[in-house]
Each structure stands twice: as structure tokens, then as C-alpha cells.
N, C-alpha and C. Protein backbone atom coordinates (compact mmCIF):
# COMPACT_ATOMS: atom_id res chain seq x y z
N UNK A 1 0.86 -1.16 0.01
CA UNK A 1 -0.02 0.01 0.00
C UNK A 1 0.91 1.24 0.02
N UNK A 2 0.69 2.08 -0.96
CA UNK A 2 1.44 3.33 -1.02
C UNK A 2 0.59 4.45 -0.43
N UNK A 3 1.14 5.16 0.50
CA UNK A 3 0.42 6.26 1.13
C UNK A 3 0.35 7.47 0.20
N UNK A 4 -0.85 8.04 0.13
CA UNK A 4 -0.99 9.28 -0.64
C UNK A 4 -1.24 10.39 0.37
N UNK A 5 -0.77 11.55 0.05
CA UNK A 5 -0.95 12.69 0.97
C UNK A 5 0.28 12.93 1.82
N UNK A 6 0.19 13.96 2.64
CA UNK A 6 1.31 14.40 3.44
C UNK A 6 1.48 13.56 4.72
N UNK A 7 2.70 13.20 5.04
CA UNK A 7 3.02 12.50 6.30
C UNK A 7 4.04 13.37 7.01
N UNK A 8 3.74 13.73 8.24
CA UNK A 8 4.66 14.56 9.08
C UNK A 8 5.31 13.66 10.08
N UNK A 9 6.61 13.93 10.36
CA UNK A 9 7.39 13.11 11.28
C UNK A 9 7.92 14.01 12.42
N UNK A 10 7.97 13.41 13.62
CA UNK A 10 8.62 14.07 14.77
C UNK A 10 9.56 13.05 15.37
N UNK A 11 10.80 13.43 15.64
CA UNK A 11 11.81 12.57 16.25
C UNK A 11 12.13 13.12 17.64
N UNK A 12 12.06 12.26 18.64
CA UNK A 12 12.37 12.68 20.01
C UNK A 12 13.26 11.62 20.61
N UNK A 13 14.49 12.04 21.02
CA UNK A 13 15.41 11.10 21.61
C UNK A 13 15.11 10.92 23.07
N UNK A 14 15.06 9.68 23.51
CA UNK A 14 14.77 9.33 24.89
C UNK A 14 15.85 8.32 25.33
N UNK A 15 16.87 8.81 25.96
CA UNK A 15 17.97 7.92 26.37
C UNK A 15 18.65 7.29 25.19
N UNK A 16 18.66 5.97 25.13
CA UNK A 16 19.29 5.23 24.06
C UNK A 16 18.34 4.91 22.93
N UNK A 17 17.17 5.52 22.92
CA UNK A 17 16.19 5.26 21.88
C UNK A 17 15.65 6.57 21.28
N UNK A 18 15.00 6.41 20.16
CA UNK A 18 14.36 7.55 19.50
C UNK A 18 12.90 7.17 19.26
N UNK A 19 12.01 8.04 19.72
CA UNK A 19 10.59 7.88 19.48
C UNK A 19 10.25 8.66 18.22
N UNK A 20 9.66 7.95 17.25
CA UNK A 20 9.26 8.58 15.98
C UNK A 20 7.73 8.59 15.96
N UNK A 21 7.18 9.78 15.78
CA UNK A 21 5.74 9.93 15.64
C UNK A 21 5.47 10.30 14.18
N UNK A 22 4.58 9.59 13.52
CA UNK A 22 4.20 9.92 12.14
C UNK A 22 2.72 10.28 12.12
N UNK A 23 2.38 11.31 11.39
CA UNK A 23 1.01 11.80 11.29
C UNK A 23 0.61 11.88 9.83
N UNK A 24 -0.42 11.11 9.45
CA UNK A 24 -0.93 11.12 8.08
C UNK A 24 -2.07 12.14 8.01
N UNK A 25 -1.78 13.28 7.40
CA UNK A 25 -2.71 14.43 7.39
C UNK A 25 -4.09 14.12 6.78
N UNK A 26 -4.16 13.42 5.63
CA UNK A 26 -5.47 13.22 5.02
C UNK A 26 -6.45 12.43 5.91
N UNK A 27 -5.92 11.49 6.69
CA UNK A 27 -6.79 10.62 7.51
C UNK A 27 -6.76 10.97 8.99
N UNK A 28 -5.93 11.95 9.35
CA UNK A 28 -5.75 12.37 10.76
C UNK A 28 -5.31 11.16 11.64
N UNK A 29 -4.50 10.28 11.09
CA UNK A 29 -4.03 9.09 11.80
C UNK A 29 -2.60 9.34 12.30
N UNK A 30 -2.35 9.04 13.57
CA UNK A 30 -1.06 9.24 14.17
C UNK A 30 -0.57 7.93 14.77
N UNK A 31 0.68 7.59 14.54
CA UNK A 31 1.29 6.41 15.15
C UNK A 31 2.66 6.77 15.75
N UNK A 32 3.18 5.91 16.59
CA UNK A 32 4.53 6.09 17.17
C UNK A 32 5.24 4.76 17.15
N UNK A 33 6.53 4.85 16.90
CA UNK A 33 7.40 3.68 16.98
C UNK A 33 8.65 4.11 17.75
N UNK A 34 9.34 3.12 18.30
CA UNK A 34 10.59 3.41 19.00
C UNK A 34 11.69 2.63 18.37
N UNK A 35 12.83 3.26 18.10
CA UNK A 35 13.97 2.60 17.50
C UNK A 35 15.21 2.98 18.25
N UNK A 36 16.35 2.32 17.88
CA UNK A 36 17.60 2.60 18.52
C UNK A 36 18.11 3.98 18.16
N UNK A 37 18.80 4.66 19.08
CA UNK A 37 19.32 6.02 18.82
C UNK A 37 20.36 5.98 17.72
N UNK A 38 21.01 4.88 17.49
CA UNK A 38 22.05 4.79 16.47
C UNK A 38 21.53 4.55 15.07
N UNK A 39 20.22 4.35 14.91
CA UNK A 39 19.66 4.12 13.59
C UNK A 39 19.62 5.40 12.79
N UNK A 40 19.68 5.29 11.47
CA UNK A 40 19.60 6.44 10.60
C UNK A 40 18.18 7.01 10.58
N UNK A 41 18.09 8.27 10.20
CA UNK A 41 16.76 8.86 10.12
C UNK A 41 15.92 8.18 9.05
N UNK A 42 16.55 7.77 7.98
CA UNK A 42 15.83 7.08 6.89
C UNK A 42 15.24 5.75 7.37
N UNK A 43 16.03 5.02 8.18
CA UNK A 43 15.55 3.75 8.71
C UNK A 43 14.38 3.96 9.68
N UNK A 44 14.48 4.96 10.52
CA UNK A 44 13.42 5.25 11.48
C UNK A 44 12.15 5.70 10.75
N UNK A 45 12.31 6.50 9.67
CA UNK A 45 11.11 6.91 8.92
C UNK A 45 10.48 5.69 8.23
N UNK A 46 11.30 4.76 7.71
CA UNK A 46 10.78 3.55 7.09
C UNK A 46 9.96 2.74 8.06
N UNK A 47 10.50 2.59 9.30
CA UNK A 47 9.77 1.83 10.32
C UNK A 47 8.42 2.48 10.62
N UNK A 48 8.44 3.80 10.70
CA UNK A 48 7.20 4.50 11.05
C UNK A 48 6.20 4.42 9.88
N UNK A 49 6.66 4.52 8.64
CA UNK A 49 5.78 4.41 7.50
C UNK A 49 5.14 3.03 7.38
N UNK A 50 5.94 1.99 7.65
CA UNK A 50 5.40 0.62 7.63
C UNK A 50 4.33 0.47 8.69
N UNK A 51 4.56 0.98 9.87
CA UNK A 51 3.53 0.91 10.94
C UNK A 51 2.30 1.70 10.54
N UNK A 52 2.49 2.87 9.98
CA UNK A 52 1.36 3.68 9.57
C UNK A 52 0.53 2.99 8.48
N UNK A 53 1.22 2.36 7.50
CA UNK A 53 0.48 1.62 6.46
C UNK A 53 -0.31 0.46 7.08
N UNK A 54 0.28 -0.22 8.05
CA UNK A 54 -0.37 -1.30 8.73
C UNK A 54 -1.66 -0.82 9.43
N UNK A 55 -1.55 0.28 10.17
CA UNK A 55 -2.70 0.80 10.89
C UNK A 55 -3.79 1.29 9.93
N UNK A 56 -3.42 1.91 8.85
CA UNK A 56 -4.40 2.40 7.88
C UNK A 56 -5.08 1.21 7.17
N UNK A 57 -4.32 0.15 6.91
CA UNK A 57 -4.95 -1.03 6.28
C UNK A 57 -5.96 -1.68 7.15
N UNK A 58 -5.72 -1.67 8.48
CA UNK A 58 -6.66 -2.25 9.41
C UNK A 58 -7.94 -1.42 9.55
N UNK A 59 -7.82 -0.09 9.29
CA UNK A 59 -8.98 0.81 9.38
C UNK A 59 -9.93 0.67 8.20
N UNK A 60 -9.44 0.16 7.06
CA UNK A 60 -10.26 0.05 5.87
C UNK A 60 -11.43 -0.87 6.13
N UNK A 61 -12.62 -0.50 5.64
CA UNK A 61 -13.76 -1.38 5.85
C UNK A 61 -13.72 -2.62 4.99
């Protein structure tokens, strides 16, 4: 599933981890994932997008 529309990201470091919050503007859906602080921003975004796609797929009727 390819997401259409704008997705906003927020990165917050918490100790040895990074909490990534992704917000899908068209559906007003927000998710959070936690990854290692040493991970690249691209990897953390990919993790968040996969989770967001999963949540949106479950919402479909």
C-alpha cells in the first residue's frame, strides 16, 4: 500500500532510543514507533511508514 498525501514526522530522543511519531494528514491518523538511537533517520522513517501503512490497512472497511 502506497500512502498518498502528506506525512509529518517528529523525532524525540529518549535515552538510548528515538521515538518517532508519524502523522498522516489526510486521515488524521497518528502512530509512534521506538527505535535505537544509532539508527539512521531514513531507517526510522521507514519503520514509522510501515507501521502507519499497517494501521491504515486495518482501518479500511
